[in-house]
């Protein structure tokens, strides 16, 4: 996504890892760290367990930043950190 500079990715918020530094901190345009862990739904039923780790939505490109900024999920929107 960073190569195309267009889109929003959902990834684990493993901020200390090399892949996060290379593909998020160094290349993303904006972030939204979600306050609660994600629970997935299948066939209309919410899973008992959660995703197992904190998550972050990662925006690449200006259109993605606008969309992520309008996202109503409970979390912290960060646009400038570089």
N, C-alpha and C. Protein backbone atom coordinates (compact mmCIF):
# COMPACT_ATOMS: atom_id res chain seq x y z
N UNK A 1 0.81 -1.18 0.00
CA UNK A 1 0.00 0.00 0.00
C UNK A 1 0.86 1.25 0.00
N UNK A 2 1.93 1.21 0.70
CA UNK A 2 2.78 2.40 0.73
C UNK A 2 3.36 2.70 -0.64
N UNK A 3 3.62 1.68 -1.45
CA UNK A 3 4.12 1.90 -2.80
C UNK A 3 3.09 2.62 -3.67
N UNK A 4 1.82 2.29 -3.49
CA UNK A 4 0.74 2.91 -4.27
C UNK A 4 0.26 4.21 -3.65
N UNK A 5 0.57 4.41 -2.36
CA UNK A 5 0.15 5.60 -1.61
C UNK A 5 -1.36 5.83 -1.70
N UNK A 6 -2.10 4.71 -1.53
CA UNK A 6 -3.55 4.82 -1.64
C UNK A 6 -4.20 3.65 -0.91
N UNK A 7 -4.87 3.92 0.22
CA UNK A 7 -5.61 2.88 0.90
C UNK A 7 -5.46 2.94 2.41
N UNK A 8 -6.24 2.08 3.07
CA UNK A 8 -6.20 1.97 4.53
C UNK A 8 -6.00 0.51 4.89
N UNK A 9 -5.01 0.25 5.71
CA UNK A 9 -4.70 -1.11 6.15
C UNK A 9 -5.06 -1.27 7.62
N UNK A 10 -5.51 -2.46 7.98
CA UNK A 10 -5.75 -2.81 9.38
C UNK A 10 -4.65 -3.77 9.78
N UNK A 11 -3.84 -3.37 10.76
CA UNK A 11 -2.72 -4.20 11.20
C UNK A 11 -2.65 -4.19 12.73
N UNK A 12 -1.90 -5.14 13.27
CA UNK A 12 -1.63 -5.12 14.71
C UNK A 12 -0.72 -3.94 15.02
N UNK A 13 -0.94 -3.32 16.16
CA UNK A 13 -0.15 -2.16 16.58
C UNK A 13 1.11 -2.62 17.29
N UNK A 14 1.97 -3.26 16.56
CA UNK A 14 3.26 -3.74 17.08
C UNK A 14 4.32 -2.68 16.80
N UNK A 15 4.20 -1.56 17.50
CA UNK A 15 4.98 -0.37 17.19
C UNK A 15 6.49 -0.53 17.36
N UNK A 16 6.91 -1.55 18.09
CA UNK A 16 8.34 -1.74 18.35
C UNK A 16 9.03 -2.63 17.32
N UNK A 17 8.28 -3.18 16.39
CA UNK A 17 8.86 -4.13 15.44
C UNK A 17 9.47 -3.45 14.22
N UNK A 18 10.37 -4.14 13.57
CA UNK A 18 11.03 -3.61 12.37
C UNK A 18 10.02 -3.40 11.25
N UNK A 19 9.11 -4.38 11.04
CA UNK A 19 8.14 -4.23 9.95
C UNK A 19 7.24 -3.02 10.18
N UNK A 20 6.88 -2.74 11.45
CA UNK A 20 6.03 -1.58 11.73
C UNK A 20 6.79 -0.29 11.43
N UNK A 21 8.05 -0.24 11.82
CA UNK A 21 8.86 0.94 11.52
C UNK A 21 8.95 1.17 10.02
N UNK A 22 9.26 0.11 9.28
CA UNK A 22 9.47 0.24 7.84
C UNK A 22 8.20 0.52 7.05
N UNK A 23 7.10 -0.12 7.43
CA UNK A 23 5.89 -0.01 6.61
C UNK A 23 4.83 0.92 7.18
N UNK A 24 5.01 1.35 8.43
CA UNK A 24 4.04 2.27 9.02
C UNK A 24 4.71 3.59 9.39
N UNK A 25 5.59 3.57 10.39
CA UNK A 25 6.20 4.83 10.84
C UNK A 25 6.89 5.57 9.70
N UNK A 26 7.62 4.85 8.84
CA UNK A 26 8.39 5.51 7.79
C UNK A 26 7.59 5.90 6.55
N UNK A 27 6.41 5.31 6.34
CA UNK A 27 5.73 5.53 5.06
C UNK A 27 4.26 5.95 5.15
N UNK A 28 3.59 5.73 6.26
CA UNK A 28 2.16 6.04 6.35
C UNK A 28 1.91 7.54 6.41
N UNK A 29 0.68 7.93 6.05
CA UNK A 29 0.28 9.32 6.06
C UNK A 29 -0.46 9.69 7.33
N UNK A 30 -1.23 8.74 7.89
CA UNK A 30 -1.97 8.96 9.14
C UNK A 30 -2.28 7.61 9.78
N UNK A 31 -2.62 7.66 11.08
CA UNK A 31 -2.91 6.45 11.84
C UNK A 31 -4.14 6.67 12.72
N UNK A 32 -4.85 5.58 12.99
CA UNK A 32 -5.89 5.62 14.02
C UNK A 32 -5.71 4.39 14.88
N UNK A 33 -5.16 4.61 16.08
CA UNK A 33 -5.00 3.53 17.04
C UNK A 33 -6.35 3.28 17.69
N UNK A 34 -6.84 2.05 17.60
CA UNK A 34 -8.15 1.71 18.15
C UNK A 34 -8.02 1.46 19.65
N UNK A 35 -8.97 1.99 20.43
CA UNK A 35 -8.90 1.89 21.88
C UNK A 35 -9.25 0.50 22.41
N UNK A 36 -10.07 -0.23 21.69
CA UNK A 36 -10.43 -1.57 22.13
C UNK A 36 -9.97 -2.60 21.11
N UNK A 37 -9.77 -3.81 21.57
CA UNK A 37 -9.40 -4.88 20.65
C UNK A 37 -10.59 -5.28 19.80
N UNK A 38 -10.30 -5.68 18.59
CA UNK A 38 -11.34 -6.04 17.63
C UNK A 38 -11.91 -7.41 17.95
N UNK A 39 -13.21 -7.52 17.83
CA UNK A 39 -13.92 -8.79 17.89
C UNK A 39 -14.48 -9.06 16.51
N UNK A 40 -14.17 -10.18 15.95
CA UNK A 40 -14.66 -10.50 14.62
C UNK A 40 -16.05 -11.12 14.70
N UNK A 41 -16.80 -11.00 13.60
CA UNK A 41 -18.17 -11.50 13.52
C UNK A 41 -18.26 -12.46 12.34
N UNK A 42 -18.91 -13.60 12.56
CA UNK A 42 -19.13 -14.56 11.49
C UNK A 42 -20.57 -15.04 11.55
N UNK A 43 -21.22 -14.98 10.42
CA UNK A 43 -22.63 -15.37 10.32
C UNK A 43 -23.49 -14.64 11.36
N UNK A 44 -23.16 -13.37 11.59
CA UNK A 44 -23.94 -12.55 12.51
C UNK A 44 -23.63 -12.75 13.98
N UNK A 45 -22.67 -13.62 14.30
CA UNK A 45 -22.34 -13.90 15.70
C UNK A 45 -20.94 -13.38 16.02
N UNK A 46 -20.85 -12.65 17.13
CA UNK A 46 -19.57 -12.11 17.56
C UNK A 46 -18.75 -13.22 18.21
N UNK A 47 -17.49 -13.31 17.82
CA UNK A 47 -16.58 -14.31 18.39
C UNK A 47 -16.39 -14.05 19.88
N UNK A 48 -16.18 -15.11 20.64
CA UNK A 48 -15.97 -14.98 22.08
C UNK A 48 -14.66 -14.24 22.38
N UNK A 49 -13.61 -14.63 21.67
CA UNK A 49 -12.31 -14.00 21.89
C UNK A 49 -12.12 -12.78 21.01
N UNK A 50 -11.15 -11.97 21.37
CA UNK A 50 -10.84 -10.82 20.54
C UNK A 50 -9.67 -11.13 19.61
N UNK A 51 -9.18 -10.13 18.92
CA UNK A 51 -8.13 -10.32 17.93
C UNK A 51 -6.80 -10.76 18.55
N UNK A 52 -6.62 -10.58 19.83
CA UNK A 52 -5.42 -11.03 20.51
C UNK A 52 -4.33 -9.98 20.63
N UNK A 53 -4.55 -8.81 20.04
CA UNK A 53 -3.56 -7.74 20.12
C UNK A 53 -4.24 -6.42 19.76
N UNK A 54 -3.65 -5.31 20.16
CA UNK A 54 -4.21 -4.02 19.78
C UNK A 54 -4.05 -3.81 18.27
N UNK A 55 -4.96 -3.02 17.70
CA UNK A 55 -4.94 -2.79 16.26
C UNK A 55 -4.83 -1.32 15.93
N UNK A 56 -4.39 -1.04 14.71
CA UNK A 56 -4.29 0.32 14.20
C UNK A 56 -4.72 0.32 12.73
N UNK A 57 -5.45 1.35 12.35
CA UNK A 57 -5.78 1.58 10.94
C UNK A 57 -4.71 2.51 10.39
N UNK A 58 -4.13 2.15 9.25
CA UNK A 58 -3.00 2.89 8.68
C UNK A 58 -3.41 3.46 7.33
N UNK A 59 -3.36 4.78 7.21
CA UNK A 59 -3.75 5.45 5.97
C UNK A 59 -2.51 5.77 5.14
N UNK A 60 -2.65 5.52 3.84
CA UNK A 60 -1.62 5.88 2.87
C UNK A 60 -2.27 6.77 1.81
N UNK A 61 -1.82 8.01 1.69
CA UNK A 61 -2.37 8.94 0.71
C UNK A 61 -3.42 9.86 1.30
N UNK A 62 -3.61 11.00 0.63
CA UNK A 62 -4.49 12.04 1.16
C UNK A 62 -5.97 11.62 1.21
N UNK A 63 -6.46 10.89 0.22
CA UNK A 63 -7.85 10.44 0.25
C UNK A 63 -8.09 9.51 1.44
N UNK A 64 -7.13 8.65 1.71
CA UNK A 64 -7.24 7.73 2.84
C UNK A 64 -7.22 8.50 4.16
N UNK A 65 -6.45 9.56 4.24
CA UNK A 65 -6.41 10.39 5.46
C UNK A 65 -7.78 11.01 5.72
N UNK A 66 -8.41 11.51 4.68
CA UNK A 66 -9.74 12.12 4.83
C UNK A 66 -10.73 11.08 5.34
N UNK A 67 -10.71 9.90 4.74
CA UNK A 67 -11.64 8.85 5.16
C UNK A 67 -11.36 8.39 6.59
N UNK A 68 -10.09 8.22 6.91
CA UNK A 68 -9.74 7.78 8.26
C UNK A 68 -10.10 8.84 9.29
N UNK A 69 -9.94 10.11 8.93
CA UNK A 69 -10.31 11.20 9.82
C UNK A 69 -11.80 11.22 10.14
N UNK A 70 -12.62 10.72 9.23
CA UNK A 70 -14.07 10.66 9.43
C UNK A 70 -14.52 9.38 10.12
N UNK A 71 -13.60 8.44 10.30
CA UNK A 71 -13.92 7.15 10.91
C UNK A 71 -14.43 7.36 12.34
N UNK A 72 -15.55 6.73 12.66
CA UNK A 72 -16.17 6.93 13.97
C UNK A 72 -15.80 5.86 14.99
N UNK A 73 -14.88 4.98 14.66
CA UNK A 73 -14.42 4.00 15.64
C UNK A 73 -13.70 4.72 16.76
N UNK A 74 -13.84 4.22 17.98
CA UNK A 74 -13.23 4.83 19.15
C UNK A 74 -11.72 4.61 19.12
N UNK A 75 -10.99 5.72 18.98
CA UNK A 75 -9.53 5.61 18.91
C UNK A 75 -8.88 6.96 18.79
N UNK A 76 -7.56 6.95 18.66
CA UNK A 76 -6.78 8.17 18.55
C UNK A 76 -6.28 8.34 17.13
N UNK A 77 -6.67 9.45 16.48
CA UNK A 77 -6.27 9.75 15.12
C UNK A 77 -4.99 10.57 15.17
N UNK A 78 -3.96 10.12 14.46
CA UNK A 78 -2.67 10.80 14.46
C UNK A 78 -2.26 11.06 13.02
N UNK A 79 -2.02 12.33 12.71
CA UNK A 79 -1.67 12.68 11.34
C UNK A 79 -0.23 13.15 11.19
N UNK A 80 0.37 13.65 12.25
CA UNK A 80 1.74 14.15 12.13
C UNK A 80 2.61 13.59 13.24
N UNK A 81 3.67 12.93 12.87
CA UNK A 81 4.62 12.39 13.83
C UNK A 81 6.04 12.40 13.27
N UNK A 82 6.18 12.72 12.04
CA UNK A 82 7.51 12.65 11.39
C UNK A 82 8.28 13.93 11.57
